[in-house]
């Protein structure tokens, strides 16, 4: 339904969007995820016709709309600030696009009422925006965009102005609405939880570039580079040095232990910098000291694991889990066990952190994956 081919947007000497190519299938909900300033909202504006690309093409439903004005593109945009007309009623706001298209009054009223029912705002047609809560305004903005039956619906961080509980509720409702209407959607957000809740596929952007585009599971479990790994979730990055080249190169670490990395390592030479990513959910923590070989590899349930002696520096209760900060040799690690599984430890306690080399991800000095 949507194809971007080498899309580039420039503002003078600044390249805001850099050679982005992306395909979104019909009926798919794709999330563009990235930090502020990564270019994701500019991509939406270029698709909708509010920005003129310096290069590349935009196709919607197979039609090249790169040079077409916004009103000639079969897409609709939901803004971050809702952009409702304050002097129009809710029903008039929803029906505005239909009125601009020359649809008769009776049909406009019927279709607006149908959309308000879809977003659970029936009974509010005669209200004015100032009488609505933030969540209700967002529903009206969504109904206004859907009522014109666009081939493509663009959403620019539409839930960012809502409080956390309402935002989570609206995420679920938006998913249900998408399932019912089947409209192709491209959703921009900087919130990774929101992207994982909503997206059939995720596109991760950095500095105007589309770094990775895949399913949520693939992006999280198999990140393209260190930026994607750092942006999604939380992790421990441990700076290491390759002591020996070849398959499963041995890494020297600041944790006071060495281990064999689970990578095919012909491209790594002795002395090369390697960063190991150890996600907290893949680390286990125990109080009892463990016997270990000089390279810290021990048998853990029949599998090879790395045992790292550490000391508790701080514990922070966070409701569902406990964040435990540890000093391990010359570096800092943290684990986040659930409250039910967290060991009873205090600052100063000696512990052992275990992980399998296969559960770590490895990145070279440029940030690319070592595989």
Protein backbone atom coordinates (compact mmCIF):
# COMPACT_ATOMS: atom_id res chain seq x y z
CA UNK A 1 0.00 0.00 0.00
CA UNK A 2 2.91 2.35 0.76
CA UNK A 3 6.29 2.40 -0.95
CA UNK A 4 9.11 4.80 -0.21
CA UNK A 5 12.02 4.58 -2.61
CA UNK A 6 15.15 6.48 -1.56
CA UNK A 7 13.16 9.24 0.18
CA UNK A 8 15.39 12.19 1.10
CA UNK A 9 14.27 15.45 2.73
CA UNK A 10 16.66 18.35 3.19
CA UNK A 11 16.47 21.70 4.96
CA UNK A 12 19.37 23.67 3.56
CA UNK A 13 22.53 21.83 4.60
CA UNK A 14 20.59 19.56 7.00
CA UNK A 15 19.50 16.15 5.73
CA UNK A 16 16.47 15.32 7.88
CA UNK A 17 15.58 12.10 6.03
CA UNK A 18 18.39 10.22 4.34
CA UNK A 19 17.63 7.74 1.53
CA UNK A 20 14.76 5.94 3.29
CA UNK A 21 13.21 2.99 1.47
CA UNK A 22 10.23 1.31 3.09
CA UNK A 23 7.29 -0.88 2.08
CA UNK A 24 4.10 -1.23 4.14
CA UNK A 25 1.70 -3.97 3.12
CA UNK A 26 -2.04 -3.44 2.73
CA UNK A 27 -3.80 -3.71 6.08
CA UNK A 28 -0.56 -3.57 8.05
CA UNK A 29 0.10 -1.35 11.06
CA UNK A 30 3.73 -0.30 10.85
CA UNK A 31 5.39 1.76 13.57
CA UNK A 32 8.28 4.13 12.90
CA UNK A 33 10.27 4.25 16.10
CA UNK A 34 13.18 6.49 16.99
CA UNK A 35 14.41 9.29 19.28
CA UNK A 36 13.46 12.93 18.84
CA UNK A 37 15.11 14.40 15.74
CA UNK A 38 15.54 11.04 13.99
CA UNK A 39 13.35 12.12 11.05
CA UNK A 40 10.31 9.93 11.61
CA UNK A 41 7.72 12.77 11.65
CA UNK A 42 9.37 14.30 8.59
CA UNK A 43 8.81 11.00 6.78
CA UNK A 44 5.07 11.30 7.54
CA UNK A 45 4.97 14.89 6.32
CA UNK A 46 6.68 13.90 3.07
CA UNK A 47 4.21 11.04 2.56
CA UNK A 48 1.22 13.32 3.21
CA UNK A 49 2.55 16.04 0.88
CA UNK A 50 3.46 18.68 3.47
CA UNK A 51 7.18 18.36 2.70
CA UNK A 52 8.80 18.22 -0.74
CA UNK A 53 11.46 15.49 -1.05
CA UNK A 54 14.87 16.42 -2.39
CA UNK A 55 15.07 12.91 -3.87
CA UNK A 56 13.17 9.63 -3.95
CA UNK A 57 9.60 8.61 -4.71
CA UNK A 58 6.39 8.12 -2.69
CA UNK A 59 3.77 5.62 -3.91
CA UNK A 60 0.40 5.00 -2.29
CA UNK A 61 -1.62 2.08 -3.61
CA UNK A 62 0.83 1.76 -6.50
CA UNK A 63 0.31 5.39 -7.60
CA UNK A 64 3.29 7.76 -7.61
CA UNK A 65 2.16 10.77 -5.56
CA UNK A 66 5.57 12.39 -5.05
CA UNK A 67 4.55 15.56 -6.88
CA UNK A 68 0.86 15.50 -5.92
CA UNK A 69 -0.57 18.08 -3.47
CA UNK A 70 -1.87 16.79 -0.10
CA UNK A 71 -5.55 16.87 -1.12
CA UNK A 72 -4.85 14.54 -4.05
CA UNK A 73 -3.24 11.81 -1.95
CA UNK A 74 -5.45 9.03 -0.62
CA UNK A 75 -4.12 9.32 2.90
CA UNK A 76 -5.13 11.03 6.11
CA UNK A 77 -2.96 12.37 8.94
CA UNK A 78 -3.74 12.32 12.68
CA UNK A 79 -1.74 15.09 14.34
CA UNK A 80 -0.01 14.97 17.70
CA UNK A 81 -2.02 17.95 19.01
CA UNK A 82 -5.37 16.70 17.60
CA UNK A 83 -5.99 19.97 15.64
CA UNK A 84 -9.77 20.02 16.24
CA UNK A 85 -11.75 23.09 15.23
CA UNK A 86 -12.84 24.72 18.52
CA UNK A 87 -15.98 26.42 17.11
CA UNK A 88 -17.30 23.24 15.48
CA UNK A 89 -19.12 20.46 17.27
CA UNK A 90 -17.67 16.98 17.50
CA UNK A 91 -19.93 15.80 14.67
CA UNK A 92 -18.94 18.76 12.50
CA UNK A 93 -15.24 18.09 13.18
CA UNK A 94 -15.62 14.45 12.15
CA UNK A 95 -17.60 15.31 9.01
CA UNK A 96 -15.29 18.14 7.91
CA UNK A 97 -13.32 16.07 5.37
CA UNK A 98 -16.53 14.74 3.86
CA UNK A 99 -17.85 18.29 3.51
CA UNK A 100 -14.68 19.30 1.68
CA UNK A 101 -15.21 16.32 -0.64
CA UNK A 102 -18.74 17.55 -1.47
CA UNK A 103 -20.61 14.77 0.32
CA UNK A 104 -24.26 15.65 1.05
CA UNK A 105 -25.39 16.66 4.53
CA UNK A 106 -27.46 13.55 5.24
CA UNK A 107 -24.66 11.17 4.26
CA UNK A 108 -22.11 13.24 6.18
CA UNK A 109 -24.22 13.01 9.31
CA UNK A 110 -24.73 9.25 8.96
CA UNK A 111 -21.06 8.51 8.34
CA UNK A 112 -19.92 10.80 11.16
CA UNK A 113 -22.31 9.03 13.54
CA UNK A 114 -20.96 5.65 12.40
CA UNK A 115 -17.36 6.74 13.05
CA UNK A 116 -18.22 8.14 16.48
CA UNK A 117 -19.75 4.79 17.39
CA UNK A 118 -16.60 3.06 16.16
CA UNK A 119 -14.43 5.12 18.52
CA UNK A 120 -16.99 4.84 21.35
CA UNK A 121 -17.96 8.52 21.23
CA UNK A 122 -21.63 8.15 20.37
CA UNK A 123 -23.68 10.72 22.23
CA UNK A 124 -20.97 13.39 21.98
CA UNK A 125 -21.83 14.69 18.53
CA UNK A 126 -23.22 18.01 19.81
CA UNK A 127 -20.36 18.63 22.25
CA UNK A 128 -17.48 21.03 21.56
CA UNK A 129 -13.78 20.11 21.83
CA UNK A 130 -13.28 22.20 24.98
CA UNK A 131 -15.79 19.97 26.75
CA UNK A 132 -13.80 16.80 26.04
CA UNK A 133 -10.95 15.09 27.85
CA UNK A 134 -7.64 14.42 26.12
CA UNK A 135 -8.57 10.83 25.36
CA UNK A 136 -11.93 11.88 23.92
CA UNK A 137 -10.28 14.50 21.71
CA UNK A 138 -7.94 11.83 20.40
CA UNK A 139 -10.88 9.58 19.54
CA UNK A 140 -12.53 12.42 17.64
CA UNK A 141 -9.33 13.16 15.72
CA UNK A 142 -9.07 9.48 14.80
CA UNK A 143 -12.72 9.37 13.69
CA UNK A 144 -12.21 12.48 11.53
CA UNK A 145 -9.31 10.80 9.73
CA UNK A 146 -11.08 7.45 9.28
CA UNK A 147 -14.42 8.85 8.06
CA UNK A 148 -12.94 9.74 4.65
CA UNK A 149 -11.97 6.06 4.20
CA UNK A 150 -8.29 6.66 3.32
CA UNK A 151 -6.13 3.98 1.76
CA UNK A 152 -3.41 5.00 4.24
CA UNK A 153 -3.73 6.47 7.73
CA UNK A 154 -0.71 8.34 9.12
CA UNK A 155 -0.47 8.91 12.87
CA UNK A 156 2.13 11.31 14.30
CA UNK A 157 2.64 10.44 17.99
CA UNK A 158 -1.13 10.83 18.59
CA UNK A 159 -1.06 9.54 22.18
CA UNK A 160 1.96 11.42 23.50
CA UNK A 161 -0.17 14.11 25.22
CA UNK A 162 -2.09 11.56 27.31
CA UNK A 163 -1.23 10.27 30.76
CA UNK A 164 0.23 6.78 31.02
CA UNK A 165 -2.93 4.87 31.93
CA UNK A 166 -5.04 6.54 29.26
CA UNK A 167 -2.26 6.10 26.70
CA UNK A 168 -2.13 2.35 27.37
CA UNK A 169 -5.92 2.11 27.12
CA UNK A 170 -5.93 3.99 23.83
CA UNK A 171 -3.19 1.73 22.44
CA UNK A 172 -5.42 -1.30 22.97
CA UNK A 173 -8.45 0.49 21.54
CA UNK A 174 -6.48 1.61 18.48
CA UNK A 175 -5.42 -2.00 17.91
CA UNK A 176 -9.05 -3.10 18.08
CA UNK A 177 -10.12 -0.34 15.67
CA UNK A 178 -7.36 -1.32 13.25
CA UNK A 179 -8.50 -4.95 13.38
CA UNK A 180 -12.09 -3.89 12.60
CA UNK A 181 -11.49 -1.41 9.77
CA UNK A 182 -8.33 -2.98 8.27
CA UNK A 183 -6.91 0.39 7.16
CA UNK A 184 -3.18 0.46 6.43
CA UNK A 185 -1.51 2.57 9.13
CA UNK A 186 1.92 4.13 9.57
CA UNK A 187 2.35 5.17 13.20
CA UNK A 188 5.18 7.37 14.48
CA UNK A 189 6.31 7.10 18.10
CA UNK A 190 9.38 7.45 20.30
CA UNK A 191 7.87 5.07 22.88
CA UNK A 192 9.15 1.53 22.43
CA UNK A 193 6.38 -0.01 24.56
CA UNK A 194 3.80 1.67 22.33
CA UNK A 195 5.55 0.43 19.19
CA UNK A 196 5.67 -3.16 20.46
CA UNK A 197 2.01 -3.01 21.51
CA UNK A 198 0.76 -1.67 18.18
CA UNK A 199 3.13 -2.63 15.39
CA UNK A 200 2.87 -5.59 13.03
CA UNK A 201 6.29 -4.40 11.90
CA UNK A 202 8.73 -1.83 13.28
CA UNK A 203 11.00 0.58 11.46
CA UNK A 204 13.78 1.98 13.66
CA UNK A 205 15.21 5.36 12.64
CA UNK A 206 18.41 7.12 13.64
CA UNK A 207 19.70 10.46 12.31
CA UNK A 208 17.35 10.39 9.33
CA UNK A 209 18.19 6.82 8.32
CA UNK A 210 15.99 3.74 8.50
CA UNK A 211 18.32 1.39 10.37
CA UNK A 212 16.10 -1.70 10.53
CA UNK A 213 12.59 -2.74 9.44
CA UNK A 214 11.21 -6.06 10.61
CA UNK A 215 8.79 -7.74 13.00
CA UNK A 216 8.95 -6.59 16.64
CA UNK A 217 10.41 -9.95 17.67
CA UNK A 218 13.14 -9.84 15.03
CA UNK A 219 14.10 -6.25 15.79
CA UNK A 220 14.42 -6.97 19.52
CA UNK A 221 16.10 -10.38 19.31
CA UNK A 222 18.25 -9.73 16.24
CA UNK A 223 19.14 -5.99 16.15
CA UNK A 224 21.04 -4.75 13.13
CA UNK A 225 23.52 -2.69 15.13
CA UNK A 226 24.39 -1.34 18.53
CA UNK A 227 22.04 1.65 18.22
CA UNK A 228 18.99 -0.58 17.78
CA UNK A 229 20.11 -2.74 20.70
CA UNK A 230 20.55 0.32 22.93
CA UNK A 231 17.27 1.97 21.92
CA UNK A 232 15.04 -1.06 22.49
CA UNK A 233 14.77 -1.99 26.13
CA UNK A 234 17.66 -1.77 28.57
CA UNK A 235 20.95 -3.62 28.49
CA UNK A 236 24.45 -3.88 29.94
CA UNK A 237 27.14 -2.94 27.42
CA UNK A 238 30.49 -4.45 28.41
CA UNK A 239 33.61 -3.24 26.54
CA UNK A 240 35.81 -6.26 25.72
CA UNK A 241 38.92 -7.05 23.74
CA UNK A 242 39.38 -10.02 21.44
CA UNK A 243 42.34 -11.99 22.79
CA UNK A 244 42.33 -14.61 20.01
CA UNK A 245 40.87 -14.55 16.49
CA UNK A 246 38.89 -17.38 14.94
CA UNK A 247 35.57 -19.09 15.67
CA UNK A 248 34.32 -18.33 19.19
CA UNK A 249 37.10 -15.84 19.93
CA UNK A 250 38.09 -15.47 23.54
CA UNK A 251 37.22 -12.09 25.02
CA UNK A 252 39.01 -10.31 27.83
CA UNK A 253 36.58 -8.26 29.88
CA UNK A 254 36.65 -5.63 32.65
CA UNK A 255 34.48 -7.98 34.73
CA UNK A 256 37.58 -9.85 35.83
CA UNK A 257 36.73 -12.95 33.79
CA UNK A 258 37.23 -13.99 30.18
CA UNK A 259 34.99 -16.16 28.04
CA UNK A 260 34.49 -17.43 24.51
CA UNK A 261 32.08 -15.29 22.50
CA UNK A 262 29.30 -17.07 20.62
CA UNK A 263 30.26 -15.62 17.23
CA UNK A 264 32.01 -16.78 14.11
CA UNK A 265 35.05 -14.62 14.47
CA UNK A 266 37.35 -14.72 11.44
CA UNK A 267 36.91 -10.96 11.01
CA UNK A 268 38.07 -10.28 14.55
CA UNK A 269 41.77 -9.89 15.13
CA UNK A 270 43.69 -10.02 18.37
CA UNK A 271 43.26 -6.72 20.19
CA UNK A 272 40.07 -5.74 18.34
CA UNK A 273 37.43 -3.96 20.40
CA UNK A 274 34.19 -5.88 20.96
CA UNK A 275 31.16 -4.77 22.96
CA UNK A 276 29.04 -7.49 24.55
CA UNK A 277 25.40 -6.69 25.27
CA UNK A 278 23.97 -8.51 28.29
CA UNK A 279 20.27 -7.86 28.70
CA UNK A 280 19.09 -7.98 32.33
CA UNK A 281 16.38 -10.56 31.62
CA UNK A 282 19.05 -12.98 30.38
CA UNK A 283 21.17 -12.76 33.52
CA UNK A 284 20.66 -14.92 36.59
CA UNK A 285 21.74 -13.90 40.07
CA UNK A 286 22.60 -16.09 43.05
CA UNK A 287 24.04 -15.42 46.47
CA UNK A 288 26.04 -18.63 46.88
CA UNK A 289 29.55 -18.50 45.37
CA UNK A 290 30.14 -20.78 42.41
CA UNK A 291 33.14 -22.86 41.54
CA UNK A 292 34.63 -21.67 38.29
CA UNK A 293 37.46 -22.37 35.93
CA UNK A 294 40.04 -19.64 35.16
CA UNK A 295 37.95 -18.44 32.21
CA UNK A 296 34.80 -18.44 34.35
CA UNK A 297 32.95 -21.00 32.26
CA UNK A 298 30.92 -23.40 34.39
CA UNK A 299 28.28 -26.03 33.81
CA UNK A 300 24.79 -24.63 34.41
CA UNK A 301 22.05 -27.21 33.91
CA UNK A 302 24.11 -29.07 31.33
CA UNK A 303 24.89 -25.90 29.34
CA UNK A 304 28.01 -23.78 29.30
CA UNK A 305 27.59 -20.54 31.27
CA UNK A 306 29.81 -17.69 32.38
CA UNK A 307 29.95 -17.03 36.13
CA UNK A 308 30.92 -13.51 37.16
CA UNK A 309 31.65 -12.70 40.83
CA UNK A 310 30.07 -9.39 41.77
CA UNK A 311 29.07 -7.24 44.70
CA UNK A 312 25.72 -5.56 45.30
CA UNK A 313 25.93 -1.76 45.19
CA UNK A 314 22.27 -0.81 45.32
CA UNK A 315 18.77 -2.30 45.20
CA UNK A 316 15.77 -0.28 43.99
CA UNK A 317 12.24 -1.58 44.47
CA UNK A 318 10.14 -0.67 41.40
CA UNK A 319 6.82 -2.35 42.08
CA UNK A 320 6.79 -5.33 39.70
CA UNK A 321 10.56 -5.82 39.74
CA UNK A 322 13.73 -4.96 41.64
CA UNK A 323 16.64 -3.23 39.95
CA UNK A 324 19.91 -4.48 41.44
CA UNK A 325 23.09 -2.58 40.57
CA UNK A 326 26.30 -4.60 40.83
CA UNK A 327 30.03 -3.97 40.62
CA UNK A 328 31.82 -6.71 38.70
CA UNK A 329 35.55 -6.16 38.45
CA UNK A 330 36.00 -2.75 36.85
CA UNK A 331 32.51 -2.43 35.41
CA UNK A 332 28.90 -2.07 36.52
CA UNK A 333 26.08 -4.49 35.75
CA UNK A 334 22.42 -4.44 36.66
CA UNK A 335 19.76 -7.13 36.79
CA UNK A 336 16.01 -6.70 37.07
CA UNK A 337 14.38 -9.83 38.54
CA UNK A 338 10.68 -9.79 39.36
CA UNK A 339 9.77 -9.15 42.98
CA UNK A 340 8.79 -12.81 43.37
CA UNK A 341 12.15 -14.06 42.04
CA UNK A 342 14.53 -11.44 43.44
CA UNK A 343 17.04 -12.84 45.95
CA UNK A 344 17.19 -11.19 49.37
CA UNK A 345 20.38 -9.14 49.00
CA UNK A 346 21.65 -5.88 50.43
CA UNK A 347 24.41 -3.46 49.48
CA UNK A 348 27.78 -5.11 50.06
CA UNK A 349 26.61 -8.70 49.56
CA UNK A 350 28.74 -11.00 47.37
CA UNK A 351 26.80 -12.58 44.51
CA UNK A 352 27.40 -14.43 41.26
CA UNK A 353 25.94 -13.38 37.91
CA UNK A 354 25.55 -16.08 35.25
CA UNK A 355 24.80 -15.91 31.55
CA UNK A 356 25.26 -18.12 28.51
CA UNK A 357 27.57 -16.72 25.80
CA UNK A 358 24.77 -17.52 23.31
CA UNK A 359 22.46 -15.12 25.18
CA UNK A 360 24.78 -12.14 24.66
CA UNK A 361 24.97 -10.05 21.49
CA UNK A 362 28.29 -8.75 20.17
CA UNK A 363 29.20 -5.56 18.31
CA UNK A 364 32.46 -4.41 16.76
CA UNK A 365 34.14 -1.04 17.20
CA UNK A 366 31.90 0.60 14.57
CA UNK A 367 28.69 -0.64 16.22
CA UNK A 368 27.95 -3.36 13.63
CA UNK A 369 26.91 -6.83 14.73
CA UNK A 370 29.51 -9.58 15.09
CA UNK A 371 27.80 -12.77 13.99
